[in-house]
């Protein structure tokens, strides 16, 4: 019993339309990957820049609040600083305090 080798039809990759379709899909996928990589890099840089600016703003706000608290404590010992605190609305003005204590006329 002698068996002959099996014969299969030759596949020509140059003339196969499936090869062209798969190469097109591969090209589109590679281009989309490059575009998404560039977008990610740009957005990450912008996020880092905005995050550093937000940190700087929070640090400045903390310093200003500490200065305002120190000025409020100082105003208990020295009343000469009160007009300055009133101008920055850290302390209510004397005219506002007296106006709120007056009863309304009917």
C-alpha atoms as a PDB file:
ATOM      1  CA  UNK A   1       0.000   0.000   0.000  1.00  0.00           C
ATOM      2  CA  UNK A   2       1.784   3.007  -1.320  1.00  0.00           C
ATOM      3  CA  UNK A   3       0.241   6.385  -0.621  1.00  0.00           C
ATOM      4  CA  UNK A   4       0.814   9.374  -2.737  1.00  0.00           C
ATOM      5  CA  UNK A   5       1.494  12.762  -1.126  1.00  0.00           C
ATOM      6  CA  UNK A   6      -1.479  15.069  -0.856  1.00  0.00           C
ATOM      7  CA  UNK A   7      -1.653  17.903  -3.312  1.00  0.00           C
ATOM      8  CA  UNK A   8      -2.978  21.278  -2.178  1.00  0.00           C
ATOM      9  CA  UNK A   9      -3.718  24.260  -4.363  1.00  0.00           C
ATOM     10  CA  UNK A  10      -1.086  26.995  -4.353  1.00  0.00           C
ATOM     11  CA  UNK A  11      -2.033  30.164  -2.550  1.00  0.00           C
ATOM     12  CA  UNK A  12      -0.745  33.231  -4.280  1.00  0.00           C
ATOM     13  CA  UNK A  13      -0.546  36.050  -1.682  1.00  0.00           C
ATOM     14  CA  UNK A  14       0.022  38.727  -4.314  1.00  0.00           C
ATOM     15  CA  UNK A  15      -3.315  38.185  -6.003  1.00  0.00           C
ATOM     16  CA  UNK A  16      -5.382  37.482  -2.878  1.00  0.00           C
ATOM     17  CA  UNK A  17      -7.796  40.355  -2.032  1.00  0.00           C
ATOM     18  CA  UNK A  18      -7.840  39.336   1.641  1.00  0.00           C
ATOM     19  CA  UNK A  19      -4.159  40.256   1.910  1.00  0.00           C
ATOM     20  CA  UNK A  20      -4.868  43.764   0.591  1.00  0.00           C
ATOM     21  CA  UNK A  21      -7.740  44.227   3.042  1.00  0.00           C
ATOM     22  CA  UNK A  22      -5.635  43.065   5.999  1.00  0.00           C
ATOM     23  CA  UNK A  23      -2.749  45.366   5.006  1.00  0.00           C
ATOM     24  CA  UNK A  24      -5.197  48.291   4.818  1.00  0.00           C
ATOM     25  CA  UNK A  25      -6.569  47.483   8.269  1.00  0.00           C
ATOM     26  CA  UNK A  26      -3.019  47.221   9.643  1.00  0.00           C
ATOM     27  CA  UNK A  27      -2.086  50.606   8.144  1.00  0.00           C
ATOM     28  CA  UNK A  28      -5.189  52.307   9.559  1.00  0.00           C
ATOM     29  CA  UNK A  29      -4.546  50.751  12.959  1.00  0.00           C
ATOM     30  CA  UNK A  30      -0.934  51.977  12.980  1.00  0.00           C
ATOM     31  CA  UNK A  31      -1.986  55.514  11.996  1.00  0.00           C
ATOM     32  CA  UNK A  32      -4.695  55.566  14.668  1.00  0.00           C
ATOM     33  CA  UNK A  33      -2.146  54.422  17.259  1.00  0.00           C
ATOM     34  CA  UNK A  34       0.216  57.258  16.325  1.00  0.00           C
ATOM     35  CA  UNK A  35      -2.573  59.851  16.516  1.00  0.00           C
ATOM     36  CA  UNK A  36      -3.806  58.564  19.877  1.00  0.00           C
ATOM     37  CA  UNK A  37      -0.243  58.525  21.222  1.00  0.00           C
ATOM     38  CA  UNK A  38       0.256  62.174  20.210  1.00  0.00           C
ATOM     39  CA  UNK A  39      -3.067  63.181  21.776  1.00  0.00           C
ATOM     40  CA  UNK A  40      -2.205  61.373  25.001  1.00  0.00           C
ATOM     41  CA  UNK A  41       1.221  63.029  25.197  1.00  0.00           C
ATOM     42  CA  UNK A  42      -0.223  66.499  24.560  1.00  0.00           C
ATOM     43  CA  UNK A  43      -3.011  66.071  27.119  1.00  0.00           C
ATOM     44  CA  UNK A  44      -0.596  64.714  29.728  1.00  0.00           C
ATOM     45  CA  UNK A  45       1.689  67.728  29.314  1.00  0.00           C
ATOM     46  CA  UNK A  46      -1.262  70.112  29.623  1.00  0.00           C
ATOM     47  CA  UNK A  47      -2.532  68.293  32.723  1.00  0.00           C
ATOM     48  CA  UNK A  48       0.862  68.527  34.379  1.00  0.00           C
ATOM     49  CA  UNK A  49       1.090  72.237  33.598  1.00  0.00           C
ATOM     50  CA  UNK A  50      -2.383  72.936  34.986  1.00  0.00           C
ATOM     51  CA  UNK A  51      -1.699  70.809  38.052  1.00  0.00           C
ATOM     52  CA  UNK A  52       1.468  72.760  38.862  1.00  0.00           C
ATOM     53  CA  UNK A  53      -0.421  76.045  38.450  1.00  0.00           C
ATOM     54  CA  UNK A  54      -3.193  74.828  40.747  1.00  0.00           C
ATOM     55  CA  UNK A  55      -0.622  73.813  43.365  1.00  0.00           C
ATOM     56  CA  UNK A  56       1.000  77.252  43.179  1.00  0.00           C
ATOM     57  CA  UNK A  57      -2.390  78.944  43.602  1.00  0.00           C
ATOM     58  CA  UNK A  58      -3.236  76.805  46.634  1.00  0.00           C
ATOM     59  CA  UNK A  59       0.144  77.605  48.202  1.00  0.00           C
ATOM     60  CA  UNK A  60      -0.399  81.343  47.681  1.00  0.00           C
ATOM     61  CA  UNK A  61      -3.908  81.083  49.134  1.00  0.00           C
ATOM     62  CA  UNK A  62      -2.541  79.347  52.226  1.00  0.00           C
ATOM     63  CA  UNK A  63       0.047  82.104  52.703  1.00  0.00           C
ATOM     64  CA  UNK A  64      -2.571  84.858  52.297  1.00  0.00           C
ATOM     65  CA  UNK A  65      -4.922  83.155  54.768  1.00  0.00           C
ATOM     66  CA  UNK A  66      -2.119  82.818  57.322  1.00  0.00           C
ATOM     67  CA  UNK A  67      -1.251  86.500  56.868  1.00  0.00           C
ATOM     68  CA  UNK A  68      -4.912  87.493  57.267  1.00  0.00           C
ATOM     69  CA  UNK A  69      -5.234  85.428  60.443  1.00  0.00           C
ATOM     70  CA  UNK A  70      -2.082  87.021  61.856  1.00  0.00           C
ATOM     71  CA  UNK A  71      -3.414  90.470  61.003  1.00  0.00           C
ATOM     72  CA  UNK A  72      -6.731  89.662  62.729  1.00  0.00           C
ATOM     73  CA  UNK A  73      -4.865  88.563  65.864  1.00  0.00           C
ATOM     74  CA  UNK A  74      -2.729  91.698  65.721  1.00  0.00           C
ATOM     75  CA  UNK A  75      -5.852  93.859  65.464  1.00  0.00           C
ATOM     76  CA  UNK A  76      -6.910  92.729  68.947  1.00  0.00           C
ATOM     77  CA  UNK A  77      -3.755  94.398  70.346  1.00  0.00           C
ATOM     78  CA  UNK A  78      -3.493  97.369  67.985  1.00  0.00           C
ATOM     79  CA  UNK A  79      -6.708  98.939  66.659  1.00  0.00           C
ATOM     80  CA  UNK A  80      -4.843 101.074  64.104  1.00  0.00           C
ATOM     81  CA  UNK A  81      -4.850  98.165  61.623  1.00  0.00           C
ATOM     82  CA  UNK A  82      -8.681  97.920  61.618  1.00  0.00           C
ATOM     83  CA  UNK A  83      -9.242 100.339  58.662  1.00  0.00           C
ATOM     84  CA  UNK A  84      -6.894  98.245  56.543  1.00  0.00           C
ATOM     85  CA  UNK A  85      -8.680  95.011  57.503  1.00  0.00           C
ATOM     86  CA  UNK A  86     -12.049  96.642  56.793  1.00  0.00           C
ATOM     87  CA  UNK A  87     -10.899  97.756  53.335  1.00  0.00           C
ATOM     88  CA  UNK A  88     -10.047  94.138  52.441  1.00  0.00           C
ATOM     89  CA  UNK A  89     -13.300  92.840  54.023  1.00  0.00           C
ATOM     90  CA  UNK A  90     -11.453  90.747  56.605  1.00  0.00           C
ATOM     91  CA  UNK A  91     -13.266  92.560  59.381  1.00  0.00           C
ATOM     92  CA  UNK A  92     -16.727  94.149  59.258  1.00  0.00           C
ATOM     93  CA  UNK A  93     -16.718  97.936  59.286  1.00  0.00           C
ATOM     94  CA  UNK A  94     -17.951  99.997  62.224  1.00  0.00           C
ATOM     95  CA  UNK A  95     -20.704 101.564  60.131  1.00  0.00           C
ATOM     96  CA  UNK A  96     -21.983  98.103  59.179  1.00  0.00           C
ATOM     97  CA  UNK A  97     -21.975  96.937  62.781  1.00  0.00           C
ATOM     98  CA  UNK A  98     -23.978  99.961  64.000  1.00  0.00           C
ATOM     99  CA  UNK A  99     -26.432  99.756  61.095  1.00  0.00           C
ATOM    100  CA  UNK A 100     -27.361  96.181  61.900  1.00  0.00           C
ATOM    101  CA  UNK A 101     -28.113  96.979  65.585  1.00  0.00           C
ATOM    102  CA  UNK A 102     -30.707  99.698  64.803  1.00  0.00           C
ATOM    103  CA  UNK A 103     -34.321  98.572  64.989  1.00  0.00           C
ATOM    104  CA  UNK A 104     -36.434  99.080  61.901  1.00  0.00           C
ATOM    105  CA  UNK A 105     -39.010 101.852  62.004  1.00  0.00           C
ATOM    106  CA  UNK A 106     -42.642 100.966  61.339  1.00  0.00           C
END
